[in-house]
Amino acid sequence: MTRAQFYHGKAWRRLSKAFLMSKHYICERCGQPAEIAHHKIYLTAENVLDPEISLNPGNLEALCMNCHNAEHFGQGGATAAGLAFDENGNLIQKGKKKL
């Protein structure tokens, strides 16, 4: 299973929604509305099937898109190429849906 398949799967969608609800959709870093359940230990091809990492609420953090993008791209939330993450964690160019 790839990370893309995992993020589109029923188990992740259910957990992500429940986790964000448990955090009242508040970003744990800045207090703005949270839009994404972020994996503190990033998912890789090696660990995506390990539920202790991929489906463990203890490995999640409720983040707004700005804080999520800053986590992956540094301050400013985007790369020089204008990349960001969408609500499903897919890499996108700003203003577009999916790469």
Protein backbone atom coordinates (compact mmCIF):
# COMPACT_ATOMS: atom_id res chain seq x y z
CA MET A 1 0.00 0.00 0.00
CA THR A 2 1.29 3.41 -0.92
CA ARG A 3 0.89 6.53 1.22
CA ALA A 4 -1.60 7.89 -1.33
CA GLN A 5 -3.70 4.72 -1.02
CA PHE A 6 -3.51 4.94 2.77
CA TYR A 7 -4.67 8.58 2.85
CA HIS A 8 -7.65 7.71 0.63
CA GLY A 9 -8.58 4.65 2.69
CA LYS A 10 -11.60 4.34 4.95
CA ALA A 11 -9.58 3.72 8.15
CA TRP A 12 -7.55 6.93 7.72
CA ARG A 13 -10.53 9.07 6.74
CA ARG A 14 -12.46 7.85 9.79
CA LEU A 15 -9.52 8.32 12.20
CA SER A 16 -8.59 11.72 10.78
CA LYS A 17 -12.13 13.03 11.14
CA ALA A 18 -12.55 11.64 14.67
CA PHE A 19 -9.16 13.02 15.72
CA LEU A 20 -9.89 16.51 14.40
CA MET A 21 -13.28 16.42 16.13
CA SER A 22 -11.58 15.43 19.41
CA LYS A 23 -9.39 18.53 19.07
CA HIS A 24 -12.45 20.67 18.19
CA TYR A 25 -10.84 21.46 14.82
CA ILE A 26 -8.37 23.79 16.57
CA CYS A 27 -4.75 23.92 15.40
CA GLU A 28 -2.53 22.68 18.21
CA ARG A 29 0.21 25.13 17.24
CA CYS A 30 -1.49 28.45 16.51
CA GLY A 31 -5.13 28.11 17.59
CA GLN A 32 -6.57 28.73 14.12
CA PRO A 33 -9.08 26.29 12.57
CA ALA A 34 -7.41 22.91 11.99
CA GLU A 35 -7.88 21.22 8.63
CA ILE A 36 -5.51 18.26 8.72
CA ALA A 37 -4.45 15.49 11.08
CA HIS A 38 -0.66 15.54 10.76
CA HIS A 39 1.54 12.52 11.46
CA LYS A 40 4.30 13.56 13.88
CA ILE A 41 6.37 10.60 12.65
CA TYR A 42 6.07 11.04 8.91
CA LEU A 43 4.64 8.15 6.95
CA THR A 44 7.05 6.33 4.67
CA ALA A 45 6.83 3.27 2.44
CA GLU A 46 8.44 1.35 5.31
CA ASN A 47 5.99 2.35 8.07
CA VAL A 48 2.67 3.09 6.33
CA LEU A 49 1.37 -0.40 7.20
CA ASP A 50 2.41 -0.12 10.87
CA PRO A 51 -0.78 0.92 12.72
CA GLU A 52 1.31 2.08 15.71
CA ILE A 53 2.53 4.87 13.42
CA SER A 54 -0.10 5.30 10.71
CA LEU A 55 -3.29 4.84 12.76
CA ASN A 56 -2.13 5.84 16.25
CA PRO A 57 -3.87 9.00 17.55
CA GLY A 58 -0.79 9.58 19.73
CA ASN A 59 1.18 10.16 16.53
CA LEU A 60 -1.25 12.80 15.27
CA GLU A 61 -1.44 16.56 15.65
CA ALA A 62 -4.33 18.79 14.53
CA LEU A 63 -2.90 21.50 12.27
CA CYS A 64 -4.16 24.34 10.11
CA MET A 65 -2.85 24.37 6.54
CA ASN A 66 -0.33 27.14 7.30
CA CYS A 67 1.22 25.24 10.21
CA HIS A 68 1.17 21.98 8.23
CA ASN A 69 2.90 23.61 5.28
CA ALA A 70 5.41 25.29 7.60
CA GLU A 71 6.15 21.86 9.15
CA HIS A 72 7.01 20.40 5.77
CA PHE A 73 8.43 23.41 3.95
CA GLY A 74 9.72 25.68 6.72
CA GLN A 75 8.57 29.19 7.57
CA GLY A 76 6.28 30.73 5.00
CA GLY A 77 4.48 27.47 4.34
CA ALA A 78 5.56 26.94 0.73
CA THR A 79 8.55 26.24 -1.44
CA ALA A 80 9.95 28.60 -4.04
CA ALA A 81 7.94 26.60 -6.57
CA GLY A 82 4.70 27.48 -4.73
CA LEU A 83 3.97 24.00 -3.39
CA ALA A 84 1.63 23.24 -0.51
CA PHE A 85 -0.46 20.38 0.89
CA ASP A 86 -4.20 20.01 0.31
CA GLU A 87 -6.71 18.84 2.93
CA ASN A 88 -5.81 15.19 2.19
CA GLY A 89 -2.08 15.71 2.56
CA ASN A 90 -1.43 15.60 -1.18
CA LEU A 91 1.31 17.81 -2.57
CA ILE A 92 -0.19 20.50 -4.80
CA GLN A 93 0.78 23.72 -6.51
CA LYS A 94 -0.97 26.63 -4.87
CA GLY A 95 -4.27 27.32 -6.61
CA LYS A 96 -4.52 23.78 -8.05
CA LYS A 97 -5.96 20.50 -6.79
CA LYS A 98 -3.42 17.62 -7.07
CA LEU A 99 0.00 17.08 -8.58
